[in-house]
Amino acid sequence: MSIIEIAEEESEKRDNAAVEAIYLKLGEMSGVVKEALSSAFELAVEQSAFPNCRLVIEEIPGSRDLQVSALELAS
């Protein structure tokens, strides 16, 4: 499941609330390049239900994980 699909699913659970930000924890050893992820996100989010959503990445030293840690929804 993609990051945007996770956000869309959570939005639907909350009466289609707009997602303003997606917070990720990105492990330094995950094999994911932060800049590449950010660029791909910018392209993908344009085609989503939340074209103004921003991606906030927290880098975690020594970790191999990549996970959505939080969503910021419009009130």
N, C-alpha and C. Protein backbone atom coordinates (compact mmCIF):
# COMPACT_ATOMS: atom_id res chain seq x y z
N MET A 1 0.86 -1.18 0.00
CA MET A 1 0.00 0.00 0.00
C MET A 1 0.90 1.24 0.00
N SER A 2 0.55 2.22 -0.82
CA SER A 2 1.36 3.43 -0.91
C SER A 2 1.04 4.38 0.25
N ILE A 3 1.92 5.34 0.43
CA ILE A 3 1.73 6.35 1.48
C ILE A 3 0.43 7.12 1.24
N ILE A 4 0.17 7.46 0.00
CA ILE A 4 -1.05 8.21 -0.31
C ILE A 4 -2.29 7.35 -0.11
N GLU A 5 -2.21 6.08 -0.45
CA GLU A 5 -3.35 5.18 -0.21
C GLU A 5 -3.67 5.06 1.28
N ILE A 6 -2.63 5.03 2.10
CA ILE A 6 -2.84 4.99 3.55
C ILE A 6 -3.58 6.25 4.00
N ALA A 7 -3.15 7.40 3.50
CA ALA A 7 -3.79 8.66 3.87
C ALA A 7 -5.24 8.70 3.38
N GLU A 8 -5.49 8.23 2.16
CA GLU A 8 -6.85 8.23 1.63
C GLU A 8 -7.76 7.32 2.45
N GLU A 9 -7.23 6.16 2.85
CA GLU A 9 -8.02 5.23 3.66
C GLU A 9 -8.37 5.85 5.02
N GLU A 10 -7.41 6.49 5.65
CA GLU A 10 -7.67 7.13 6.94
C GLU A 10 -8.65 8.30 6.79
N SER A 11 -8.53 9.04 5.70
CA SER A 11 -9.45 10.15 5.44
C SER A 11 -10.89 9.64 5.34
N GLU A 12 -11.07 8.55 4.62
CA GLU A 12 -12.41 7.97 4.46
C GLU A 12 -13.00 7.56 5.80
N LYS A 13 -12.17 7.06 6.70
CA LYS A 13 -12.63 6.66 8.04
C LYS A 13 -13.09 7.86 8.86
N ARG A 14 -12.64 9.05 8.46
CA ARG A 14 -12.95 10.28 9.21
C ARG A 14 -13.78 11.24 8.36
N ASP A 15 -14.80 10.70 7.72
CA ASP A 15 -15.74 11.49 6.93
C ASP A 15 -15.06 12.30 5.83
N ASN A 16 -14.05 11.70 5.19
CA ASN A 16 -13.33 12.33 4.08
C ASN A 16 -12.66 13.65 4.45
N ALA A 17 -12.12 13.71 5.65
CA ALA A 17 -11.37 14.90 6.08
C ALA A 17 -10.15 15.08 5.19
N ALA A 18 -9.85 16.31 4.86
CA ALA A 18 -8.68 16.60 4.03
C ALA A 18 -7.40 16.31 4.81
N VAL A 19 -6.45 15.69 4.15
CA VAL A 19 -5.15 15.40 4.76
C VAL A 19 -4.22 16.56 4.41
N GLU A 20 -3.74 17.25 5.43
CA GLU A 20 -2.87 18.39 5.22
C GLU A 20 -1.39 18.02 5.26
N ALA A 21 -1.06 16.95 6.01
CA ALA A 21 0.34 16.52 6.10
C ALA A 21 0.40 15.04 6.44
N ILE A 22 1.44 14.41 5.92
CA ILE A 22 1.74 13.02 6.24
C ILE A 22 3.12 13.02 6.88
N TYR A 23 3.21 12.42 8.06
CA TYR A 23 4.47 12.35 8.79
C TYR A 23 5.05 10.94 8.67
N LEU A 24 6.30 10.86 8.26
CA LEU A 24 6.97 9.58 8.08
C LEU A 24 8.19 9.50 8.98
N LYS A 25 8.47 8.28 9.41
CA LYS A 25 9.75 7.98 10.05
C LYS A 25 10.54 7.16 9.03
N LEU A 26 11.69 7.69 8.64
CA LEU A 26 12.52 7.08 7.61
C LEU A 26 13.83 6.64 8.21
N GLY A 27 14.01 5.32 8.26
CA GLY A 27 15.25 4.78 8.80
C GLY A 27 16.42 5.05 7.88
N GLU A 28 17.52 5.42 8.46
CA GLU A 28 18.72 5.74 7.70
C GLU A 28 19.20 4.52 6.90
N MET A 29 18.90 3.32 7.37
CA MET A 29 19.34 2.09 6.71
C MET A 29 18.19 1.41 5.95
N SER A 30 17.13 2.14 5.65
CA SER A 30 15.96 1.56 4.99
C SER A 30 16.19 1.31 3.50
N GLY A 31 17.20 1.96 2.94
CA GLY A 31 17.44 1.83 1.50
C GLY A 31 16.65 2.85 0.69
N VAL A 32 15.92 3.72 1.36
CA VAL A 32 15.11 4.74 0.69
C VAL A 32 15.87 6.08 0.75
N VAL A 33 16.02 6.70 -0.39
CA VAL A 33 16.69 8.00 -0.47
C VAL A 33 15.65 9.09 -0.22
N LYS A 34 15.88 9.89 0.80
CA LYS A 34 14.91 10.92 1.22
C LYS A 34 14.51 11.83 0.06
N GLU A 35 15.48 12.30 -0.71
CA GLU A 35 15.19 13.23 -1.80
C GLU A 35 14.36 12.56 -2.89
N ALA A 36 14.65 11.30 -3.18
CA ALA A 36 13.88 10.57 -4.19
C ALA A 36 12.44 10.35 -3.71
N LEU A 37 12.28 10.01 -2.44
CA LEU A 37 10.95 9.83 -1.87
C LEU A 37 10.16 11.14 -1.93
N SER A 38 10.80 12.23 -1.57
CA SER A 38 10.13 13.54 -1.60
C SER A 38 9.70 13.91 -3.02
N SER A 39 10.56 13.68 -3.99
CA SER A 39 10.22 14.00 -5.39
C SER A 39 9.07 13.15 -5.89
N ALA A 40 9.12 11.85 -5.59
CA ALA A 40 8.04 10.95 -6.02
C ALA A 40 6.73 11.33 -5.35
N PHE A 41 6.80 11.72 -4.09
CA PHE A 41 5.59 12.13 -3.36
C PHE A 41 4.97 13.35 -4.01
N GLU A 42 5.80 14.33 -4.35
CA GLU A 42 5.28 15.56 -4.97
C GLU A 42 4.52 15.26 -6.26
N LEU A 43 5.04 14.35 -7.06
CA LEU A 43 4.36 13.98 -8.30
C LEU A 43 3.07 13.22 -8.02
N ALA A 44 3.13 12.27 -7.09
CA ALA A 44 1.96 11.43 -6.80
C ALA A 44 0.84 12.21 -6.11
N VAL A 45 1.19 13.12 -5.23
CA VAL A 45 0.17 13.84 -4.46
C VAL A 45 -0.65 14.76 -5.36
N GLU A 46 -0.06 15.22 -6.46
CA GLU A 46 -0.80 16.07 -7.41
C GLU A 46 -2.02 15.35 -7.98
N GLN A 47 -1.93 14.03 -8.10
CA GLN A 47 -3.01 13.23 -8.67
C GLN A 47 -3.95 12.66 -7.60
N SER A 48 -3.74 13.05 -6.35
CA SER A 48 -4.52 12.50 -5.24
C SER A 48 -5.67 13.44 -4.87
N ALA A 49 -6.42 13.01 -3.89
CA ALA A 49 -7.50 13.83 -3.36
C ALA A 49 -6.98 14.99 -2.50
N PHE A 50 -5.66 14.99 -2.24
CA PHE A 50 -5.05 16.00 -1.36
C PHE A 50 -3.85 16.66 -2.03
N PRO A 51 -4.06 17.41 -3.11
CA PRO A 51 -2.93 17.94 -3.87
C PRO A 51 -2.04 18.93 -3.11
N ASN A 52 -2.53 19.48 -1.99
CA ASN A 52 -1.73 20.42 -1.21
C ASN A 52 -1.10 19.80 0.02
N CYS A 53 -1.22 18.49 0.14
CA CYS A 53 -0.67 17.78 1.28
C CYS A 53 0.86 17.86 1.26
N ARG A 54 1.44 18.02 2.43
CA ARG A 54 2.90 18.05 2.51
C ARG A 54 3.41 16.79 3.22
N LEU A 55 4.63 16.45 2.92
CA LEU A 55 5.29 15.29 3.49
C LEU A 55 6.34 15.77 4.48
N VAL A 56 6.27 15.27 5.71
CA VAL A 56 7.22 15.64 6.75
C VAL A 56 7.99 14.36 7.12
N ILE A 57 9.29 14.38 6.88
CA ILE A 57 10.10 13.19 7.08
C ILE A 57 11.04 13.38 8.27
N GLU A 58 10.96 12.44 9.21
CA GLU A 58 11.87 12.39 10.34
C GLU A 58 12.85 11.25 10.07
N GLU A 59 14.12 11.57 9.98
CA GLU A 59 15.12 10.54 9.74
C GLU A 59 15.53 9.89 11.06
N ILE A 60 15.56 8.55 11.07
CA ILE A 60 15.88 7.80 12.27
C ILE A 60 17.22 7.08 12.06
N PRO A 61 18.27 7.52 12.76
CA PRO A 61 19.59 6.89 12.62
C PRO A 61 19.55 5.41 13.02
N GLY A 62 20.25 4.57 12.23
CA GLY A 62 20.39 3.17 12.56
C GLY A 62 19.18 2.29 12.32
N SER A 63 18.07 2.86 11.89
CA SER A 63 16.84 2.09 11.69
C SER A 63 16.70 1.66 10.24
N ARG A 64 16.00 0.56 10.02
CA ARG A 64 15.71 0.09 8.66
C ARG A 64 14.24 0.31 8.29
N ASP A 65 13.49 0.91 9.18
CA ASP A 65 12.05 1.07 9.00
C ASP A 65 11.70 2.28 8.15
N LEU A 66 10.54 2.18 7.54
CA LEU A 66 9.88 3.31 6.88
C LEU A 66 8.41 3.17 7.25
N GLN A 67 7.89 4.14 7.99
CA GLN A 67 6.50 4.02 8.42
C GLN A 67 5.82 5.38 8.51
N VAL A 68 4.53 5.37 8.24
CA VAL A 68 3.71 6.56 8.45
C VAL A 68 3.52 6.67 9.96
N SER A 69 3.92 7.77 10.55
CA SER A 69 3.81 7.93 11.99
C SER A 69 2.60 8.76 12.40
N ALA A 70 2.11 9.64 11.49
CA ALA A 70 0.95 10.46 11.84
C ALA A 70 0.41 11.13 10.57
N LEU A 71 -0.84 11.53 10.67
CA LEU A 71 -1.48 12.33 9.62
C LEU A 71 -2.02 13.58 10.26
N GLU A 72 -1.92 14.69 9.56
CA GLU A 72 -2.52 15.94 10.01
C GLU A 72 -3.76 16.17 9.15
N LEU A 73 -4.91 16.16 9.80
CA LEU A 73 -6.17 16.32 9.08
C LEU A 73 -6.73 17.71 9.29
N ALA A 74 -7.47 18.21 8.31
CA ALA A 74 -8.12 19.51 8.44
C ALA A 74 -9.21 19.39 9.49
N SER A 75 -9.39 20.43 10.24
CA SER A 75 -10.41 20.38 11.30
C SER A 75 -11.74 20.86 10.80
